């Protein structure tokens, strides 16, 4: 659970009630948001303007990812733990942790801070997509199409590199 929580926040994955999942097309730290879709769509269903908006949203999501990653590191360090120590403790099954009361308190405090940052992260990402000019559902549709179309992936990468 901890690993998933950290990865979701640190790597830009947005898992929420709207059904977002990650797309590895843009690299770990710049993953987009898409939804599982049963309908097949083609790249011709995406206008150039929509692709521009999609790329803008991806760029904004990258910035949010970086900001959240930094805040998470700071939150963990504020409890007196290093990020590495926090991750190591998180890898151990809860019932097998042999932690002092102080370490357990630090771990729980850091975990709560990370959960709160993940909530903020998801909200910022929703806003970023909408401010880019796309509805979440359309962003998800475009993400699904781009995920399966190498030419569109190249176009998005090109737009992002401008």
C-alpha atoms as a PDB file:
ATOM      1  CA  UNK A   1       0.000   0.000   0.000  1.00  0.00           C
ATOM      2  CA  UNK A   2       2.745   2.468   0.912  1.00  0.00           C
ATOM      3  CA  UNK A   3       4.650   1.807  -2.283  1.00  0.00           C
ATOM      4  CA  UNK A   4       1.504   2.399  -4.340  1.00  0.00           C
ATOM      5  CA  UNK A   5       0.720   5.563  -2.419  1.00  0.00           C
ATOM      6  CA  UNK A   6       4.193   6.969  -2.946  1.00  0.00           C
ATOM      7  CA  UNK A   7       4.351   5.927  -6.564  1.00  0.00           C
ATOM      8  CA  UNK A   8       0.975   7.441  -7.281  1.00  0.00           C
ATOM      9  CA  UNK A   9       2.060  10.779  -5.898  1.00  0.00           C
ATOM     10  CA  UNK A  10       5.681  10.815  -6.953  1.00  0.00           C
ATOM     11  CA  UNK A  11       5.228   9.511 -10.445  1.00  0.00           C
ATOM     12  CA  UNK A  12       2.160  11.441 -11.339  1.00  0.00           C
ATOM     13  CA  UNK A  13      -0.312   8.647 -11.367  1.00  0.00           C
ATOM     14  CA  UNK A  14      -3.799   9.777 -10.643  1.00  0.00           C
ATOM     15  CA  UNK A  15      -6.116   7.111  -9.346  1.00  0.00           C
ATOM     16  CA  UNK A  16      -9.441   8.510  -8.312  1.00  0.00           C
ATOM     17  CA  UNK A  17     -13.154   8.155  -8.672  1.00  0.00           C
ATOM     18  CA  UNK A  18     -12.992   9.193 -12.309  1.00  0.00           C
ATOM     19  CA  UNK A  19     -11.045   6.050 -13.194  1.00  0.00           C
ATOM     20  CA  UNK A  20      -7.649   7.451 -14.130  1.00  0.00           C
ATOM     21  CA  UNK A  21      -4.705   5.122 -14.702  1.00  0.00           C
ATOM     22  CA  UNK A  22      -1.127   5.728 -15.793  1.00  0.00           C
ATOM     23  CA  UNK A  23       0.307   5.704 -19.291  1.00  0.00           C
ATOM     24  CA  UNK A  24       4.028   4.959 -19.508  1.00  0.00           C
ATOM     25  CA  UNK A  25       4.308   6.600 -22.935  1.00  0.00           C
ATOM     26  CA  UNK A  26       5.830   9.828 -21.608  1.00  0.00           C
ATOM     27  CA  UNK A  27       8.281   8.315 -19.152  1.00  0.00           C
ATOM     28  CA  UNK A  28       7.892   7.573 -15.464  1.00  0.00           C
ATOM     29  CA  UNK A  29       7.963  11.099 -14.143  1.00  0.00           C
ATOM     30  CA  UNK A  30       5.742  12.460 -16.873  1.00  0.00           C
ATOM     31  CA  UNK A  31       3.008   9.921 -17.085  1.00  0.00           C
ATOM     32  CA  UNK A  32      -0.340  11.044 -18.401  1.00  0.00           C
ATOM     33  CA  UNK A  33      -3.778  10.232 -17.197  1.00  0.00           C
ATOM     34  CA  UNK A  34      -6.095   7.993 -19.164  1.00  0.00           C
ATOM     35  CA  UNK A  35      -9.106   5.856 -18.494  1.00  0.00           C
ATOM     36  CA  UNK A  36      -9.746   2.313 -19.567  1.00  0.00           C
ATOM     37  CA  UNK A  37     -12.116   2.508 -22.494  1.00  0.00           C
ATOM     38  CA  UNK A  38     -14.005  -0.273 -24.194  1.00  0.00           C
ATOM     39  CA  UNK A  39     -14.632   1.787 -27.308  1.00  0.00           C
ATOM     40  CA  UNK A  40     -12.063   1.780 -30.073  1.00  0.00           C
ATOM     41  CA  UNK A  41     -11.087   5.199 -31.375  1.00  0.00           C
ATOM     42  CA  UNK A  42      -8.702   6.316 -34.054  1.00  0.00           C
ATOM     43  CA  UNK A  43      -6.145   9.097 -34.185  1.00  0.00           C
ATOM     44  CA  UNK A  44      -8.401  10.845 -36.697  1.00  0.00           C
ATOM     45  CA  UNK A  45     -10.798  11.440 -33.797  1.00  0.00           C
ATOM     46  CA  UNK A  46      -8.323  13.962 -32.334  1.00  0.00           C
ATOM     47  CA  UNK A  47      -8.024  17.454 -33.754  1.00  0.00           C
ATOM     48  CA  UNK A  48      -4.691  19.258 -33.838  1.00  0.00           C
ATOM     49  CA  UNK A  49      -6.090  21.744 -31.329  1.00  0.00           C
ATOM     50  CA  UNK A  50      -7.052  18.928 -28.945  1.00  0.00           C
ATOM     51  CA  UNK A  51      -3.604  17.387 -29.276  1.00  0.00           C
ATOM     52  CA  UNK A  52      -2.090  20.766 -28.368  1.00  0.00           C
ATOM     53  CA  UNK A  53      -4.348  21.000 -25.324  1.00  0.00           C
ATOM     54  CA  UNK A  54      -3.478  17.433 -24.364  1.00  0.00           C
ATOM     55  CA  UNK A  55       0.249  18.181 -24.572  1.00  0.00           C
ATOM     56  CA  UNK A  56      -0.260  21.355 -22.516  1.00  0.00           C
ATOM     57  CA  UNK A  57      -2.020  19.324 -19.850  1.00  0.00           C
ATOM     58  CA  UNK A  58       0.803  16.769 -19.873  1.00  0.00           C
ATOM     59  CA  UNK A  59       3.367  19.556 -19.385  1.00  0.00           C
ATOM     60  CA  UNK A  60       1.344  20.947 -16.483  1.00  0.00           C
ATOM     61  CA  UNK A  61       1.040  17.489 -14.950  1.00  0.00           C
ATOM     62  CA  UNK A  62       4.816  17.101 -15.110  1.00  0.00           C
ATOM     63  CA  UNK A  63       5.236  20.309 -13.108  1.00  0.00           C
ATOM     64  CA  UNK A  64       2.669  19.159 -10.555  1.00  0.00           C
ATOM     65  CA  UNK A  65       4.485  15.827 -10.255  1.00  0.00           C
ATOM     66  CA  UNK A  66       7.776  17.536  -9.494  1.00  0.00           C
ATOM     67  CA  UNK A  67       6.196  19.894  -6.983  1.00  0.00           C
ATOM     68  CA  UNK A  68       4.471  17.003  -5.214  1.00  0.00           C
ATOM     69  CA  UNK A  69       7.652  14.912  -5.182  1.00  0.00           C
ATOM     70  CA  UNK A  70       9.578  17.735  -3.489  1.00  0.00           C
ATOM     71  CA  UNK A  71       6.790  18.300  -0.954  1.00  0.00           C
ATOM     72  CA  UNK A  72       6.676  14.589  -0.131  1.00  0.00           C
ATOM     73  CA  UNK A  73      10.402  14.485   0.521  1.00  0.00           C
ATOM     74  CA  UNK A  74      10.107  17.559   2.736  1.00  0.00           C
ATOM     75  CA  UNK A  75       7.132  16.059   4.601  1.00  0.00           C
ATOM     76  CA  UNK A  76       9.026  12.876   5.350  1.00  0.00           C
ATOM     77  CA  UNK A  77      12.126  14.787   6.440  1.00  0.00           C
ATOM     78  CA  UNK A  78      10.019  17.017   8.701  1.00  0.00           C
ATOM     79  CA  UNK A  79       9.180  13.934  10.773  1.00  0.00           C
ATOM     80  CA  UNK A  80      12.874  13.243  11.356  1.00  0.00           C
ATOM     81  CA  UNK A  81      13.111  10.377   8.865  1.00  0.00           C
ATOM     82  CA  UNK A  82      15.012  10.223   5.620  1.00  0.00           C
ATOM     83  CA  UNK A  83      13.032   9.353   2.483  1.00  0.00           C
ATOM     84  CA  UNK A  84      15.124   6.186   2.146  1.00  0.00           C
ATOM     85  CA  UNK A  85      14.331   5.103   5.702  1.00  0.00           C
ATOM     86  CA  UNK A  86      10.650   5.834   5.138  1.00  0.00           C
ATOM     87  CA  UNK A  87      10.624   3.713   1.962  1.00  0.00           C
ATOM     88  CA  UNK A  88      12.437   0.851   3.682  1.00  0.00           C
ATOM     89  CA  UNK A  89       9.946   0.802   6.538  1.00  0.00           C
ATOM     90  CA  UNK A  90       7.118   0.959   4.017  1.00  0.00           C
ATOM     91  CA  UNK A  91       8.405  -2.139   2.218  1.00  0.00           C
ATOM     92  CA  UNK A  92       8.103  -4.233   5.368  1.00  0.00           C
ATOM     93  CA  UNK A  93       4.697  -5.797   5.970  1.00  0.00           C
ATOM     94  CA  UNK A  94       2.868  -3.950   8.725  1.00  0.00           C
ATOM     95  CA  UNK A  95       2.637  -6.945  11.040  1.00  0.00           C
ATOM     96  CA  UNK A  96       6.390  -7.624  10.676  1.00  0.00           C
ATOM     97  CA  UNK A  97       7.651  -4.154  11.562  1.00  0.00           C
ATOM     98  CA  UNK A  98       9.841  -4.029  14.622  1.00  0.00           C
ATOM     99  CA  UNK A  99       9.917  -0.296  15.154  1.00  0.00           C
ATOM    100  CA  UNK A 100      10.452   1.751  18.232  1.00  0.00           C
ATOM    101  CA  UNK A 101       7.458   3.768  19.308  1.00  0.00           C
ATOM    102  CA  UNK A 102       9.210   6.923  18.081  1.00  0.00           C
ATOM    103  CA  UNK A 103       9.901   5.444  14.616  1.00  0.00           C
ATOM    104  CA  UNK A 104       6.349   4.159  14.362  1.00  0.00           C
ATOM    105  CA  UNK A 105       5.051   7.636  15.226  1.00  0.00           C
ATOM    106  CA  UNK A 106       7.358   9.255  12.641  1.00  0.00           C
ATOM    107  CA  UNK A 107       6.302   6.759  10.002  1.00  0.00           C
ATOM    108  CA  UNK A 108       2.582   7.253  10.616  1.00  0.00           C
ATOM    109  CA  UNK A 109       2.995  11.040  10.662  1.00  0.00           C
ATOM    110  CA  UNK A 110       4.884  10.960   7.347  1.00  0.00           C
ATOM    111  CA  UNK A 111       2.356   8.590   5.818  1.00  0.00           C
ATOM    112  CA  UNK A 112      -0.537  10.890   6.740  1.00  0.00           C
ATOM    113  CA  UNK A 113       1.292  13.864   5.241  1.00  0.00           C
ATOM    114  CA  UNK A 114       1.848  11.939   2.022  1.00  0.00           C
ATOM    115  CA  UNK A 115      -1.795  10.931   1.838  1.00  0.00           C
ATOM    116  CA  UNK A 116      -2.803  14.575   2.172  1.00  0.00           C
ATOM    117  CA  UNK A 117      -0.304  15.603  -0.523  1.00  0.00           C
ATOM    118  CA  UNK A 118      -1.710  12.913  -2.820  1.00  0.00           C
ATOM    119  CA  UNK A 119      -5.211  14.335  -2.371  1.00  0.00           C
ATOM    120  CA  UNK A 120      -3.956  17.807  -3.226  1.00  0.00           C
ATOM    121  CA  UNK A 121      -2.017  16.377  -6.175  1.00  0.00           C
ATOM    122  CA  UNK A 122      -5.105  14.719  -7.662  1.00  0.00           C
ATOM    123  CA  UNK A 123      -7.126  17.920  -7.346  1.00  0.00           C
ATOM    124  CA  UNK A 124      -4.394  20.031  -8.942  1.00  0.00           C
ATOM    125  CA  UNK A 125      -4.191  17.558 -11.810  1.00  0.00           C
ATOM    126  CA  UNK A 126      -7.926  17.713 -12.444  1.00  0.00           C
ATOM    127  CA  UNK A 127      -7.743  21.503 -12.502  1.00  0.00           C
ATOM    128  CA  UNK A 128      -4.692  21.461 -14.793  1.00  0.00           C
ATOM    129  CA  UNK A 129      -6.455  19.268 -17.342  1.00  0.00           C
ATOM    130  CA  UNK A 130      -9.530  21.478 -17.298  1.00  0.00           C
ATOM    131  CA  UNK A 131      -7.454  24.670 -17.518  1.00  0.00           C
ATOM    132  CA  UNK A 132      -5.704  23.224 -20.565  1.00  0.00           C
ATOM    133  CA  UNK A 133      -9.130  23.289 -22.172  1.00  0.00           C
ATOM    134  CA  UNK A 134     -10.161  19.645 -21.959  1.00  0.00           C
ATOM    135  CA  UNK A 135     -12.790  17.826 -19.987  1.00  0.00           C
ATOM    136  CA  UNK A 136     -11.375  14.970 -17.944  1.00  0.00           C
ATOM    137  CA  UNK A 137     -13.303  12.433 -19.999  1.00  0.00           C
ATOM    138  CA  UNK A 138     -11.898  13.809 -23.282  1.00  0.00           C
ATOM    139  CA  UNK A 139      -8.386  13.947 -21.860  1.00  0.00           C
ATOM    140  CA  UNK A 140      -8.791  10.288 -20.930  1.00  0.00           C
ATOM    141  CA  UNK A 141     -10.041   9.415 -24.413  1.00  0.00           C
ATOM    142  CA  UNK A 142      -7.133  11.203 -26.060  1.00  0.00           C
ATOM    143  CA  UNK A 143      -4.717   9.527 -23.665  1.00  0.00           C
ATOM    144  CA  UNK A 144      -6.043   6.102 -24.622  1.00  0.00           C
ATOM    145  CA  UNK A 145      -5.707   6.875 -28.311  1.00  0.00           C
ATOM    146  CA  UNK A 146      -2.205   8.307 -27.915  1.00  0.00           C
ATOM    147  CA  UNK A 147      -1.182   5.300 -25.840  1.00  0.00           C
ATOM    148  CA  UNK A 148      -1.869   3.047 -28.811  1.00  0.00           C
ATOM    149  CA  UNK A 149      -0.596   5.286 -31.639  1.00  0.00           C
ATOM    150  CA  UNK A 150       3.163   5.778 -32.036  1.00  0.00           C
ATOM    151  CA  UNK A 151       2.705   8.666 -34.495  1.00  0.00           C
ATOM    152  CA  UNK A 152       0.576  10.573 -32.006  1.00  0.00           C
ATOM    153  CA  UNK A 153       3.082   9.795 -29.267  1.00  0.00           C
ATOM    154  CA  UNK A 154       5.807  11.360 -31.401  1.00  0.00           C
ATOM    155  CA  UNK A 155       3.621  14.392 -32.056  1.00  0.00           C
ATOM    156  CA  UNK A 156       2.969  14.891 -28.348  1.00  0.00           C
ATOM    157  CA  UNK A 157       6.663  14.554 -27.546  1.00  0.00           C
ATOM    158  CA  UNK A 158       7.430  17.082 -30.293  1.00  0.00           C
ATOM    159  CA  UNK A 159       4.873  19.547 -28.914  1.00  0.00           C
ATOM    160  CA  UNK A 160       6.292  19.091 -25.425  1.00  0.00           C
ATOM    161  CA  UNK A 161       9.822  19.791 -26.616  1.00  0.00           C
ATOM    162  CA  UNK A 162       8.894  23.196 -28.053  1.00  0.00           C
END
